[in-house]
Amino acid sequence: MILHTYWRSSSAYRVRIALGLKGVSYESRFVHLVRSGGEQNQPEFRAKSPLGQVPVLELEDGGAPIFLSQSLAIIEYLEERFPAPALLPRELLARARVRELAELVNSGIQPFQNTGTMNFLTEVAAELDKARWYRHFLGRGLSSLEARARESAGRFLVADDVSVADVLLVPQLYAARRVQISLEAFPTLLRVEAECEKIEGFAVAHPDRQPDRQ
């Protein structure tokens, strides 16, 4: 199993956490998203990921390579292939809540900080106020996540077991700090993050511990 990854990508960070929590060994292949115009744009990588995004999980099926992109799809695959420890609750409504919180991050926050999004905006809007952009979109998304988490959180975002929602939360808070978003207004998220940081699967996936960190 090979993970095509980049140390600072929050989406790749998610998958590294899931792999670590499940104790799955894998080989890392590093895709630098900035150097030489972005290695993700090279034809060889585009054949693996049509949108030119990391992460990509490379598998083997009948001797042929299979490439799976999109972090949530990869995490769901890992959940089904390696069901223990579970990252989705057994109870129906709790499972739905985990997926809701995960999508608040995946669809409602992360696209607005994506490298490709910001590169394009910088190109077409020379006067773009990046700080204002981040404050608006990331702040709105994190406020929504905080409000929902207050209703569902125990030790973690949904009750007392680690879930996919937590796997997405930690990289998102890392990304928010990187663009200098104040997190003081999100005490529930910060408390859950602190609990996650006690777990080795989260710790080993941290960007600062990746071999390709620049």
Protein backbone atom coordinates (compact mmCIF):
# COMPACT_ATOMS: atom_id res chain seq x y z
CA MET A 1 0.00 0.00 0.00
CA ILE A 2 1.42 3.36 -1.08
CA LEU A 3 0.24 6.80 0.01
CA HIS A 4 1.02 9.70 -2.31
CA THR A 5 1.17 12.57 0.13
CA TYR A 6 2.46 16.06 0.91
CA TRP A 7 3.45 17.03 4.42
CA ARG A 8 1.34 20.21 4.64
CA SER A 9 -1.79 18.99 2.85
CA SER A 10 -4.66 18.78 5.32
CA SER A 11 -6.37 16.15 3.17
CA ALA A 12 -3.28 13.94 3.16
CA TYR A 13 -2.89 14.59 6.91
CA ARG A 14 -6.37 13.10 7.42
CA VAL A 15 -5.46 9.87 5.67
CA ARG A 16 -2.16 9.57 7.56
CA ILE A 17 -4.16 9.83 10.80
CA ALA A 18 -6.61 7.14 9.72
CA LEU A 19 -3.78 4.82 8.70
CA GLY A 20 -2.02 5.45 12.01
CA LEU A 21 -5.13 4.88 14.11
CA LYS A 22 -5.75 1.58 12.36
CA GLY A 23 -2.11 0.52 12.57
CA VAL A 24 -1.81 0.02 8.81
CA SER A 25 1.72 0.07 7.42
CA TYR A 26 2.29 1.87 4.13
CA GLU A 27 4.97 3.41 1.95
CA SER A 28 4.99 7.17 1.42
CA ARG A 29 5.56 8.78 -1.96
CA PHE A 30 6.00 12.52 -1.72
CA VAL A 31 4.32 14.95 -4.11
CA HIS A 32 5.56 18.52 -3.68
CA LEU A 33 2.65 20.87 -4.32
CA VAL A 34 4.78 23.98 -4.88
CA ARG A 35 8.14 23.02 -6.37
CA SER A 36 8.51 23.32 -10.16
CA GLY A 37 4.98 24.59 -10.54
CA GLY A 38 3.59 21.74 -8.46
CA GLU A 39 4.47 18.11 -8.98
CA GLN A 40 0.76 17.30 -8.79
CA ASN A 41 0.39 18.86 -12.24
CA GLN A 42 2.75 16.46 -13.97
CA PRO A 43 1.07 14.01 -16.38
CA GLU A 44 2.37 10.99 -14.46
CA PHE A 45 0.59 12.11 -11.29
CA ARG A 46 -2.54 13.27 -13.13
CA ALA A 47 -2.93 9.70 -14.35
CA LYS A 48 -3.30 8.73 -10.68
CA SER A 49 -5.42 11.70 -9.60
CA PRO A 50 -7.54 13.39 -12.29
CA LEU A 51 -7.82 16.64 -10.30
CA GLY A 52 -4.13 16.59 -9.51
CA GLN A 53 -4.73 16.45 -5.77
CA VAL A 54 -3.21 14.55 -2.87
CA PRO A 55 -3.73 12.19 -1.22
CA VAL A 56 -3.80 9.16 -3.48
CA LEU A 57 -3.83 5.66 -2.06
CA GLU A 58 -2.18 3.18 -4.42
CA LEU A 59 -3.36 -0.39 -4.09
CA GLU A 60 -2.90 -3.61 -6.02
CA ASP A 61 -5.71 -5.69 -7.47
CA GLY A 62 -4.81 -8.82 -9.42
CA GLY A 63 -1.29 -7.53 -9.94
CA ALA A 64 -2.47 -4.22 -11.40
CA PRO A 65 -2.18 -0.88 -9.59
CA ILE A 66 -5.39 0.81 -8.44
CA PHE A 67 -5.40 4.50 -7.52
CA LEU A 68 -7.94 5.86 -5.05
CA SER A 69 -8.19 9.62 -4.56
CA GLN A 70 -10.28 11.91 -2.31
CA SER A 71 -9.54 11.65 1.38
CA LEU A 72 -13.00 10.67 2.61
CA ALA A 73 -13.30 7.94 0.02
CA ILE A 74 -9.91 6.61 1.13
CA ILE A 75 -10.89 6.76 4.80
CA GLU A 76 -14.16 4.92 4.11
CA TYR A 77 -12.20 2.27 2.21
CA LEU A 78 -9.82 1.86 5.16
CA GLU A 79 -12.79 1.67 7.55
CA GLU A 80 -14.33 -1.17 5.57
CA ARG A 81 -11.09 -3.04 4.93
CA PHE A 82 -9.72 -2.58 8.47
CA PRO A 83 -12.85 -2.30 10.65
CA ALA A 84 -11.01 -2.17 13.98
CA PRO A 85 -10.64 0.20 15.60
CA ALA A 86 -13.83 1.64 14.16
CA LEU A 87 -13.93 5.27 13.06
CA LEU A 88 -17.70 5.27 12.54
CA PRO A 89 -20.12 4.63 15.42
CA ARG A 90 -22.48 1.67 15.25
CA GLU A 91 -25.58 3.66 16.18
CA LEU A 92 -27.32 5.11 13.11
CA LEU A 93 -27.82 8.71 14.21
CA ALA A 94 -24.29 8.93 15.65
CA ARG A 95 -22.88 7.70 12.33
CA ALA A 96 -24.87 10.38 10.52
CA ARG A 97 -23.61 13.03 12.94
CA VAL A 98 -20.00 11.98 12.39
CA ARG A 99 -20.49 12.23 8.63
CA GLU A 100 -22.18 15.63 9.01
CA LEU A 101 -19.26 17.05 11.00
CA ALA A 102 -16.76 15.54 8.59
CA GLU A 103 -18.55 17.16 5.65
CA LEU A 104 -18.65 20.53 7.40
CA VAL A 105 -14.86 20.38 7.20
CA ASN A 106 -14.50 18.59 3.88
CA SER A 107 -17.04 20.61 1.89
CA GLY A 108 -17.70 23.68 3.99
CA ILE A 109 -14.19 24.76 5.00
CA GLN A 110 -11.28 23.01 3.29
CA PRO A 111 -12.04 24.00 -0.34
CA PHE A 112 -11.72 27.67 0.60
CA GLN A 113 -8.12 27.22 1.74
CA ASN A 114 -7.08 24.73 -0.96
CA THR A 115 -3.80 25.57 -2.69
CA GLY A 116 -5.39 25.41 -6.13
CA THR A 117 -8.22 27.71 -5.08
CA MET A 118 -5.91 30.31 -3.60
CA ASN A 119 -3.48 30.20 -6.52
CA PHE A 120 -6.32 30.86 -8.97
CA LEU A 121 -7.80 33.67 -6.89
CA THR A 122 -4.42 35.33 -6.59
CA GLU A 123 -4.04 35.12 -10.37
CA VAL A 124 -7.42 36.67 -11.24
CA ALA A 125 -7.78 39.09 -8.34
CA ALA A 126 -4.57 41.02 -7.81
CA GLU A 127 -6.08 42.95 -4.88
CA LEU A 128 -7.38 39.88 -3.08
CA ASP A 129 -7.35 40.30 0.69
CA LYS A 130 -6.36 36.76 1.66
CA ALA A 131 -6.65 37.41 5.39
CA ARG A 132 -10.24 38.64 4.99
CA TRP A 133 -11.07 35.66 2.75
CA TYR A 134 -9.76 33.18 5.31
CA ARG A 135 -11.45 34.92 8.23
CA HIS A 136 -14.79 34.86 6.43
CA PHE A 137 -14.87 31.31 5.08
CA LEU A 138 -12.83 29.46 7.67
CA GLY A 139 -14.36 31.43 10.52
CA ARG A 140 -17.89 30.72 9.30
CA GLY A 141 -17.17 27.02 8.87
CA LEU A 142 -15.46 26.62 12.21
CA SER A 143 -18.30 28.47 13.95
CA SER A 144 -20.78 26.00 12.46
CA LEU A 145 -18.60 23.09 13.51
CA GLU A 146 -18.30 24.46 17.05
CA ALA A 147 -22.07 24.86 17.34
CA ARG A 148 -22.74 21.29 16.25
CA ALA A 149 -19.92 19.93 18.42
CA ARG A 150 -21.43 21.50 21.53
CA GLU A 151 -24.46 19.30 20.96
CA SER A 152 -22.65 16.02 20.23
CA ALA A 153 -19.25 16.10 21.91
CA GLY A 154 -18.11 13.91 24.74
CA ARG A 155 -14.41 13.29 24.96
CA PHE A 156 -14.35 13.58 21.15
CA LEU A 157 -16.57 15.34 18.62
CA VAL A 158 -19.27 12.67 18.79
CA ALA A 159 -19.46 11.08 22.23
CA ASP A 160 -16.39 9.38 23.70
CA ASP A 161 -14.82 7.49 20.82
CA VAL A 162 -12.53 8.76 18.08
CA SER A 163 -14.32 9.03 14.75
CA VAL A 164 -13.84 10.26 11.21
CA ALA A 165 -15.01 13.68 12.40
CA ASP A 166 -11.99 13.97 14.70
CA VAL A 167 -9.71 12.74 11.92
CA LEU A 168 -10.82 15.76 9.86
CA LEU A 169 -10.90 18.23 12.75
CA VAL A 170 -7.24 18.09 13.73
CA PRO A 171 -5.79 18.84 10.27
CA GLN A 172 -8.33 21.63 9.82
CA LEU A 173 -7.25 23.37 13.01
CA TYR A 174 -3.62 22.99 11.94
CA ALA A 175 -4.49 24.64 8.62
CA ALA A 176 -6.41 27.43 10.34
CA ARG A 177 -3.42 28.29 12.51
CA ARG A 178 -1.19 28.31 9.45
CA VAL A 179 -3.28 31.11 7.93
CA GLN A 180 -3.45 32.88 11.31
CA ILE A 181 -7.09 32.29 12.19
CA SER A 182 -7.79 32.92 15.87
CA LEU A 183 -9.30 29.85 17.50
CA GLU A 184 -10.29 31.30 20.86
CA ALA A 185 -13.98 31.27 19.90
CA PHE A 186 -13.97 27.48 19.48
CA PRO A 187 -13.35 25.97 22.93
CA THR A 188 -15.09 22.67 22.18
CA LEU A 189 -12.97 22.10 19.10
CA LEU A 190 -9.80 22.95 20.99
CA ARG A 191 -10.68 20.63 23.86
CA VAL A 192 -11.32 17.75 21.47
CA GLU A 193 -8.11 18.50 19.60
CA ALA A 194 -6.19 18.25 22.88
CA GLU A 195 -7.69 14.80 23.50
CA CYS A 196 -6.76 13.68 19.99
CA GLU A 197 -3.17 14.83 20.44
CA LYS A 198 -2.75 12.29 23.24
CA ILE A 199 -3.21 9.45 20.71
CA GLU A 200 -0.19 8.13 18.82
CA GLY A 201 -2.07 7.77 15.54
CA PHE A 202 -2.61 11.52 15.47
CA ALA A 203 0.89 12.34 16.67
CA VAL A 204 2.78 10.35 14.03
CA ALA A 205 0.70 11.90 11.24
CA HIS A 206 1.53 15.49 12.21
CA PRO A 207 3.11 17.55 9.39
CA ASP A 208 6.16 18.37 11.50
CA ARG A 209 6.99 14.65 11.68
CA GLN A 210 6.88 14.01 7.93
CA PRO A 211 10.12 13.26 6.06
CA ASP A 212 9.26 15.63 3.22
CA ARG A 213 8.67 18.62 5.50
CA GLN A 214 10.33 21.68 3.98
